[in-house]
N, C-alpha and C. Protein backbone atom coordinates (compact mmCIF):
# COMPACT_ATOMS: atom_id res chain seq x y z
N ASP A 1 -2.95 16.52 4.76
CA ASP A 1 -2.14 15.58 3.94
C ASP A 1 -1.99 14.22 4.65
N LEU A 2 -1.83 14.28 5.99
CA LEU A 2 -1.69 13.05 6.77
C LEU A 2 -2.87 12.13 6.56
N LYS A 3 -4.07 12.68 6.59
CA LYS A 3 -5.23 11.84 6.43
C LYS A 3 -5.41 11.31 4.99
N LYS A 4 -4.94 12.07 4.00
CA LYS A 4 -5.00 11.59 2.64
C LYS A 4 -4.05 10.44 2.35
N LYS A 5 -2.91 10.40 3.10
CA LYS A 5 -1.91 9.38 2.80
C LYS A 5 -1.87 8.28 3.86
N CYS A 6 -2.94 8.17 4.60
CA CYS A 6 -2.97 7.16 5.67
C CYS A 6 -3.11 5.77 5.09
N ILE A 7 -3.07 4.81 5.94
CA ILE A 7 -3.14 3.38 5.54
C ILE A 7 -4.55 2.89 5.72
N ILE A 8 -5.10 2.28 4.67
CA ILE A 8 -6.42 1.66 4.75
C ILE A 8 -6.22 0.19 5.10
N TRP A 9 -6.74 -0.22 6.20
CA TRP A 9 -6.59 -1.59 6.73
C TRP A 9 -7.69 -2.45 6.24
N THR A 10 -7.58 -3.76 6.51
CA THR A 10 -8.58 -4.73 6.04
C THR A 10 -9.96 -4.48 6.63
N ASP A 11 -10.07 -3.72 7.70
CA ASP A 11 -11.37 -3.43 8.26
C ASP A 11 -12.04 -2.24 7.56
N GLY A 12 -11.33 -1.67 6.56
CA GLY A 12 -11.85 -0.56 5.78
C GLY A 12 -11.58 0.80 6.40
N ASN A 13 -11.06 0.81 7.61
CA ASN A 13 -10.71 2.08 8.30
C ASN A 13 -9.35 2.61 7.89
N LYS A 14 -9.14 3.86 8.13
CA LYS A 14 -7.86 4.51 7.86
C LYS A 14 -7.05 4.75 9.11
N TYR A 15 -5.78 4.48 9.00
CA TYR A 15 -4.87 4.62 10.21
C TYR A 15 -3.58 5.34 9.81
N ASP A 16 -3.02 6.05 10.78
CA ASP A 16 -1.75 6.77 10.52
C ASP A 16 -0.58 5.83 10.39
N SER A 17 -0.63 4.67 11.09
CA SER A 17 0.49 3.76 11.11
C SER A 17 -0.03 2.33 11.13
N LEU A 18 0.87 1.39 10.91
CA LEU A 18 0.49 -0.03 10.89
C LEU A 18 1.67 -0.89 11.24
N THR A 19 1.45 -1.89 12.03
CA THR A 19 2.47 -2.92 12.27
C THR A 19 1.89 -4.21 11.74
N SER A 20 2.64 -4.86 10.85
CA SER A 20 2.21 -6.20 10.36
C SER A 20 3.33 -7.13 10.61
N TRP A 21 3.04 -8.40 10.62
CA TRP A 21 4.00 -9.43 10.95
C TRP A 21 3.70 -10.69 10.22
N ASP A 22 4.72 -11.51 10.12
CA ASP A 22 4.62 -12.82 9.53
C ASP A 22 5.43 -13.76 10.46
N VAL A 23 4.76 -14.84 10.90
CA VAL A 23 5.39 -15.78 11.80
C VAL A 23 5.52 -17.13 11.11
N LYS A 24 6.78 -17.63 11.10
CA LYS A 24 7.05 -18.96 10.61
C LYS A 24 7.90 -19.65 11.65
N TRP A 25 8.23 -20.89 11.44
CA TRP A 25 9.08 -21.59 12.36
C TRP A 25 9.92 -22.64 11.63
N ASP A 26 11.03 -22.95 12.30
CA ASP A 26 11.93 -24.04 11.90
C ASP A 26 11.88 -25.03 13.05
N HIS A 27 11.91 -26.28 12.75
CA HIS A 27 11.79 -27.28 13.80
C HIS A 27 12.48 -28.60 13.38
N GLU A 28 12.75 -29.36 14.40
CA GLU A 28 13.31 -30.73 14.20
C GLU A 28 12.59 -31.63 15.17
N TYR A 29 12.55 -32.91 14.74
CA TYR A 29 11.95 -33.90 15.60
C TYR A 29 12.94 -35.03 15.92
N ASP A 30 12.71 -35.67 17.05
CA ASP A 30 13.35 -36.94 17.37
C ASP A 30 12.30 -38.04 17.25
N GLN A 31 12.67 -38.99 16.40
CA GLN A 31 11.70 -40.08 16.19
C GLN A 31 12.21 -41.35 16.81
N ALA A 32 11.47 -41.83 17.74
CA ALA A 32 11.75 -43.15 18.38
C ALA A 32 10.99 -44.20 17.60
N SER A 33 11.02 -45.41 18.11
CA SER A 33 10.39 -46.48 17.37
C SER A 33 8.91 -46.32 17.14
N LYS A 34 8.18 -45.77 18.13
CA LYS A 34 6.79 -45.64 17.95
C LYS A 34 6.28 -44.22 18.31
N THR A 35 7.20 -43.25 18.50
CA THR A 35 6.76 -41.90 18.87
C THR A 35 7.64 -40.91 18.16
N CYS A 36 7.14 -39.63 18.26
CA CYS A 36 7.90 -38.50 17.67
C CYS A 36 7.73 -37.32 18.63
N VAL A 37 8.84 -36.67 18.94
CA VAL A 37 8.82 -35.50 19.82
C VAL A 37 9.58 -34.30 19.20
N VAL A 38 9.21 -33.12 19.55
CA VAL A 38 9.90 -31.95 19.11
C VAL A 38 11.25 -31.85 19.81
N SER A 39 12.33 -31.78 19.08
CA SER A 39 13.66 -31.61 19.64
C SER A 39 14.18 -30.18 19.49
N PHE A 40 13.63 -29.44 18.56
CA PHE A 40 14.09 -28.09 18.28
C PHE A 40 12.89 -27.32 17.70
N PHE A 41 12.65 -26.10 18.21
CA PHE A 41 11.60 -25.28 17.64
C PHE A 41 12.07 -23.84 17.68
N GLN A 42 12.20 -23.21 16.54
CA GLN A 42 12.70 -21.82 16.45
C GLN A 42 11.72 -21.01 15.66
N PRO A 43 10.99 -20.12 16.29
CA PRO A 43 10.08 -19.22 15.60
C PRO A 43 10.88 -18.10 14.90
N ILE A 44 10.30 -17.61 13.82
CA ILE A 44 10.93 -16.51 13.04
C ILE A 44 9.79 -15.52 12.80
N ILE A 45 10.02 -14.28 13.28
CA ILE A 45 9.02 -13.23 13.15
C ILE A 45 9.61 -12.12 12.27
N ASN A 46 8.88 -11.77 11.21
CA ASN A 46 9.28 -10.63 10.38
C ASN A 46 8.22 -9.53 10.58
N PHE A 47 8.67 -8.34 11.05
CA PHE A 47 7.82 -7.23 11.28
C PHE A 47 8.00 -6.21 10.18
N THR A 48 6.88 -5.54 9.86
CA THR A 48 6.92 -4.37 9.01
C THR A 48 6.18 -3.25 9.75
N PHE A 49 6.88 -2.18 9.94
CA PHE A 49 6.27 -0.95 10.60
C PHE A 49 6.11 0.07 9.54
N ARG A 50 4.91 0.63 9.49
CA ARG A 50 4.69 1.77 8.55
C ARG A 50 4.27 2.99 9.36
N TYR A 51 4.98 4.04 9.15
CA TYR A 51 4.73 5.29 9.88
C TYR A 51 4.61 6.44 8.88
N PRO A 52 3.87 7.50 9.31
CA PRO A 52 3.88 8.69 8.47
C PRO A 52 5.21 9.40 8.47
N LYS A 53 5.49 10.09 7.42
CA LYS A 53 6.76 10.82 7.34
C LYS A 53 6.46 12.26 7.06
N TRP A 54 7.12 13.15 7.75
CA TRP A 54 6.97 14.55 7.50
C TRP A 54 8.33 15.08 7.03
N ASN A 55 8.34 15.67 5.87
CA ASN A 55 9.56 16.33 5.38
C ASN A 55 9.55 17.73 5.88
N ARG A 56 10.04 17.85 7.11
CA ARG A 56 10.00 19.17 7.75
C ARG A 56 10.96 20.12 7.14
N THR A 57 10.61 21.37 7.24
CA THR A 57 11.47 22.41 6.71
C THR A 57 11.99 23.25 7.86
N VAL A 58 12.99 23.99 7.58
CA VAL A 58 13.59 24.84 8.69
C VAL A 58 12.62 25.95 9.07
N GLU A 59 11.68 26.25 8.16
CA GLU A 59 10.71 27.31 8.44
C GLU A 59 9.60 26.81 9.39
N ALA A 60 9.43 25.49 9.59
CA ALA A 60 8.37 24.98 10.40
C ALA A 60 8.51 25.51 11.82
N PRO A 61 7.41 26.02 12.39
CA PRO A 61 7.46 26.55 13.75
C PRO A 61 7.94 25.47 14.74
N LYS A 62 8.64 25.91 15.74
CA LYS A 62 9.15 25.06 16.81
C LYS A 62 7.97 24.30 17.44
N SER A 63 6.85 24.96 17.72
CA SER A 63 5.72 24.29 18.36
C SER A 63 5.19 23.15 17.48
N LEU A 64 5.17 23.34 16.18
CA LEU A 64 4.73 22.31 15.27
C LEU A 64 5.70 21.09 15.25
N ARG A 65 6.95 21.42 15.23
CA ARG A 65 8.00 20.33 15.32
C ARG A 65 7.90 19.56 16.59
N GLU A 66 7.65 20.24 17.68
CA GLU A 66 7.54 19.56 18.97
C GLU A 66 6.28 18.68 19.03
N LYS A 67 5.18 19.20 18.47
CA LYS A 67 3.93 18.39 18.40
C LYS A 67 4.14 17.13 17.57
N TRP A 68 4.76 17.33 16.43
CA TRP A 68 5.04 16.16 15.54
C TRP A 68 5.92 15.14 16.26
N ASP A 69 7.01 15.62 16.87
CA ASP A 69 7.90 14.70 17.52
C ASP A 69 7.21 13.91 18.65
N ARG A 70 6.38 14.56 19.40
CA ARG A 70 5.62 13.93 20.46
C ARG A 70 4.62 12.91 19.90
N TYR A 71 3.93 13.33 18.82
CA TYR A 71 2.98 12.41 18.15
C TYR A 71 3.70 11.15 17.66
N LEU A 72 4.80 11.36 16.94
CA LEU A 72 5.51 10.20 16.36
C LEU A 72 6.06 9.28 17.48
N LYS A 73 6.61 9.87 18.52
CA LYS A 73 7.07 9.08 19.65
C LYS A 73 5.94 8.19 20.25
N ASN A 74 4.79 8.81 20.39
CA ASN A 74 3.63 8.07 20.98
C ASN A 74 3.12 7.06 19.99
N LEU A 75 3.15 7.40 18.70
CA LEU A 75 2.71 6.45 17.70
C LEU A 75 3.62 5.17 17.67
N ILE A 76 4.91 5.46 17.78
CA ILE A 76 5.91 4.33 17.86
C ILE A 76 5.65 3.47 19.14
N THR A 77 5.40 4.15 20.23
CA THR A 77 5.11 3.41 21.46
C THR A 77 3.88 2.51 21.27
N HIS A 78 2.82 3.06 20.62
CA HIS A 78 1.65 2.23 20.35
C HIS A 78 1.94 1.06 19.47
N GLU A 79 2.64 1.26 18.37
CA GLU A 79 2.99 0.19 17.44
C GLU A 79 3.92 -0.82 18.08
N ASN A 80 4.82 -0.37 18.96
CA ASN A 80 5.68 -1.31 19.65
C ASN A 80 4.82 -2.21 20.61
N GLY A 81 3.75 -1.66 21.13
CA GLY A 81 2.83 -2.52 21.89
C GLY A 81 2.28 -3.66 21.07
N HIS A 82 1.95 -3.40 19.79
CA HIS A 82 1.52 -4.47 18.93
C HIS A 82 2.62 -5.54 18.73
N SER A 83 3.79 -5.05 18.42
CA SER A 83 4.91 -6.04 18.19
C SER A 83 5.27 -6.79 19.45
N ASP A 84 5.18 -6.16 20.63
CA ASP A 84 5.45 -6.84 21.89
C ASP A 84 4.48 -7.98 22.11
N MET A 85 3.22 -7.76 21.72
CA MET A 85 2.20 -8.82 21.86
C MET A 85 2.48 -10.01 20.97
N VAL A 86 2.97 -9.72 19.76
CA VAL A 86 3.33 -10.85 18.88
C VAL A 86 4.45 -11.66 19.47
N VAL A 87 5.48 -10.95 19.92
CA VAL A 87 6.66 -11.66 20.51
C VAL A 87 6.20 -12.50 21.70
N ALA A 88 5.37 -11.92 22.57
CA ALA A 88 4.93 -12.66 23.75
C ALA A 88 4.10 -13.91 23.35
N ALA A 89 3.23 -13.78 22.36
CA ALA A 89 2.43 -14.92 21.85
C ALA A 89 3.31 -15.99 21.30
N VAL A 90 4.33 -15.60 20.54
CA VAL A 90 5.25 -16.57 19.90
C VAL A 90 6.10 -17.24 20.96
N ASN A 91 6.52 -16.46 21.97
CA ASN A 91 7.31 -17.11 23.06
C ASN A 91 6.47 -18.12 23.80
N ASP A 92 5.21 -17.82 24.09
CA ASP A 92 4.30 -18.73 24.77
C ASP A 92 4.09 -19.96 23.89
N LEU A 93 3.93 -19.75 22.61
CA LEU A 93 3.72 -20.91 21.70
C LEU A 93 5.03 -21.75 21.70
N SER A 94 6.18 -21.18 21.70
CA SER A 94 7.40 -21.97 21.66
C SER A 94 7.51 -22.84 22.92
N ARG A 95 7.17 -22.24 24.07
CA ARG A 95 7.22 -23.01 25.34
C ARG A 95 6.26 -24.21 25.29
N THR A 96 5.05 -23.94 24.74
CA THR A 96 4.02 -24.99 24.66
C THR A 96 4.48 -26.10 23.66
N VAL A 97 5.03 -25.73 22.58
CA VAL A 97 5.45 -26.70 21.54
C VAL A 97 6.51 -27.62 22.07
N VAL A 98 7.52 -27.10 22.72
CA VAL A 98 8.63 -27.97 23.20
C VAL A 98 8.17 -28.85 24.35
N GLN A 99 7.02 -28.57 24.98
CA GLN A 99 6.53 -29.38 26.02
C GLN A 99 5.46 -30.37 25.57
N LEU A 100 5.24 -30.43 24.24
CA LEU A 100 4.24 -31.40 23.76
C LEU A 100 4.64 -32.80 24.09
N PRO A 101 3.69 -33.64 24.50
CA PRO A 101 4.01 -35.04 24.72
C PRO A 101 4.32 -35.77 23.40
N PRO A 102 4.99 -36.87 23.44
CA PRO A 102 5.29 -37.61 22.23
C PRO A 102 4.00 -37.93 21.46
N ALA A 103 4.07 -37.87 20.15
CA ALA A 103 2.95 -38.22 19.33
C ALA A 103 3.27 -39.55 18.65
N SER A 104 2.22 -40.19 18.14
CA SER A 104 2.41 -41.55 17.55
C SER A 104 3.13 -41.46 16.22
N SER A 105 3.15 -40.29 15.59
CA SER A 105 3.90 -40.09 14.38
C SER A 105 4.30 -38.66 14.24
N CYS A 106 5.26 -38.39 13.41
CA CYS A 106 5.72 -37.02 13.19
C CYS A 106 4.63 -36.21 12.44
N ASP A 107 3.86 -36.91 11.61
CA ASP A 107 2.71 -36.22 10.93
C ASP A 107 1.69 -35.74 11.95
N ASP A 108 1.43 -36.61 12.95
CA ASP A 108 0.51 -36.17 13.99
C ASP A 108 1.07 -35.02 14.81
N LEU A 109 2.35 -35.09 15.08
CA LEU A 109 3.00 -34.00 15.82
C LEU A 109 2.94 -32.70 15.02
N ASP A 110 3.22 -32.76 13.70
CA ASP A 110 3.09 -31.61 12.86
C ASP A 110 1.71 -31.00 12.93
N SER A 111 0.73 -31.86 12.90
CA SER A 111 -0.68 -31.44 12.97
C SER A 111 -0.94 -30.76 14.31
N ASN A 112 -0.43 -31.28 15.37
CA ASN A 112 -0.56 -30.69 16.73
C ASN A 112 0.08 -29.30 16.75
N VAL A 113 1.26 -29.17 16.18
CA VAL A 113 1.98 -27.88 16.21
C VAL A 113 1.21 -26.86 15.37
N ARG A 114 0.72 -27.21 14.21
CA ARG A 114 -0.07 -26.32 13.37
C ARG A 114 -1.38 -25.85 14.10
N GLU A 115 -1.99 -26.78 14.81
CA GLU A 115 -3.22 -26.40 15.54
C GLU A 115 -2.92 -25.46 16.67
N LEU A 116 -1.78 -25.72 17.42
CA LEU A 116 -1.37 -24.81 18.47
C LEU A 116 -1.04 -23.43 17.89
N PHE A 117 -0.41 -23.40 16.75
CA PHE A 117 -0.07 -22.16 16.13
C PHE A 117 -1.34 -21.41 15.74
N ARG A 118 -2.31 -22.11 15.12
CA ARG A 118 -3.56 -21.49 14.71
C ARG A 118 -4.29 -20.87 15.93
N ILE A 119 -4.37 -21.64 17.00
CA ILE A 119 -5.09 -21.17 18.23
C ILE A 119 -4.31 -19.96 18.83
N SER A 120 -3.00 -20.05 18.88
CA SER A 120 -2.20 -18.95 19.45
C SER A 120 -2.36 -17.69 18.64
N MET A 121 -2.29 -17.77 17.32
CA MET A 121 -2.36 -16.56 16.49
C MET A 121 -3.77 -16.00 16.53
N ASN A 122 -4.81 -16.83 16.58
CA ASN A 122 -6.20 -16.33 16.72
C ASN A 122 -6.34 -15.54 18.00
N LYS A 123 -5.82 -16.09 19.09
CA LYS A 123 -5.95 -15.42 20.38
C LYS A 123 -5.14 -14.06 20.34
N MET A 124 -3.97 -14.13 19.74
CA MET A 124 -3.17 -12.94 19.67
C MET A 124 -3.83 -11.86 18.81
N ARG A 125 -4.48 -12.24 17.71
CA ARG A 125 -5.19 -11.27 16.90
C ARG A 125 -6.35 -10.66 17.69
N GLN A 126 -7.02 -11.46 18.46
CA GLN A 126 -8.10 -10.92 19.33
C GLN A 126 -7.54 -9.95 20.36
N ASP A 127 -6.41 -10.32 20.97
CA ASP A 127 -5.75 -9.44 21.94
C ASP A 127 -5.33 -8.12 21.25
N GLN A 128 -4.89 -8.17 20.03
CA GLN A 128 -4.50 -6.99 19.25
C GLN A 128 -5.71 -6.07 19.11
N ARG A 129 -6.85 -6.67 18.74
CA ARG A 129 -8.08 -5.88 18.54
C ARG A 129 -8.48 -5.20 19.85
N GLU A 130 -8.43 -5.96 20.96
CA GLU A 130 -8.73 -5.34 22.28
C GLU A 130 -7.76 -4.28 22.63
N TYR A 131 -6.51 -4.45 22.37
CA TYR A 131 -5.49 -3.41 22.59
C TYR A 131 -5.86 -2.13 21.84
N ASP A 132 -6.22 -2.23 20.58
CA ASP A 132 -6.60 -1.08 19.79
C ASP A 132 -7.93 -0.47 20.32
N GLU A 133 -8.84 -1.27 20.79
CA GLU A 133 -10.08 -0.74 21.38
C GLU A 133 -9.75 0.05 22.68
N ILE A 134 -8.96 -0.55 23.54
CA ILE A 134 -8.63 0.12 24.84
C ILE A 134 -7.85 1.40 24.58
N THR A 135 -6.91 1.38 23.66
CA THR A 135 -6.09 2.58 23.40
C THR A 135 -6.69 3.49 22.36
N LYS A 136 -7.84 3.09 21.80
CA LYS A 136 -8.49 3.86 20.70
C LYS A 136 -7.44 4.06 19.59
N HIS A 137 -6.78 2.97 19.23
CA HIS A 137 -5.72 2.97 18.20
C HIS A 137 -4.64 3.97 18.48
N GLY A 138 -4.24 4.04 19.75
CA GLY A 138 -3.13 4.91 20.16
C GLY A 138 -3.53 6.27 20.67
N THR A 139 -4.77 6.64 20.51
CA THR A 139 -5.24 7.93 20.90
C THR A 139 -5.02 8.20 22.41
N THR A 140 -5.33 7.18 23.23
CA THR A 140 -5.13 7.36 24.69
C THR A 140 -3.67 7.34 25.08
N GLN A 141 -2.80 6.96 24.11
CA GLN A 141 -1.35 7.01 24.37
C GLN A 141 -0.70 8.25 23.83
N GLY A 142 -1.54 9.20 23.32
CA GLY A 142 -1.00 10.43 22.77
C GLY A 142 -0.63 10.41 21.34
N ALA A 143 -1.01 9.35 20.63
CA ALA A 143 -0.67 9.27 19.20
C ALA A 143 -1.73 9.97 18.37
N VAL A 144 -1.80 11.29 18.58
CA VAL A 144 -2.81 12.11 17.86
C VAL A 144 -2.11 13.31 17.34
N PHE A 145 -2.40 13.63 16.06
CA PHE A 145 -1.80 14.84 15.50
C PHE A 145 -2.89 15.65 14.80
N PRO A 146 -2.98 16.93 14.95
CA PRO A 146 -2.11 17.81 15.71
C PRO A 146 -2.54 17.77 17.09
């Protein structure tokens, strides 16, 4: 039943769990006579975690309950690794954005911020793929059932 109800991801493969995120930001600029600088930058991350659910019964053997609990704990550890990577990438982006040199206009500065965001998110997505390759999508972390 677990394999029938798994998540089909954009790569066409099926997975037991999934962490997705959306990153946006709020910002303010200080505009001098001929320049514009970032005065405030606040990233906003929304996470969605999807995990399998087992409606266990009291008749379920203790060994099965223990295997499930261990599997779910390890699956959560794996998915938290994904979310930790997003947070780290966004923190790095925030530090980079607030250190940007003054731009000739706020439009130019906006362009610079969007480009930094694009580069940061592309690198983070590549890091996510490598994390899944290294952990075999959590298998090496014990996220395997039964």
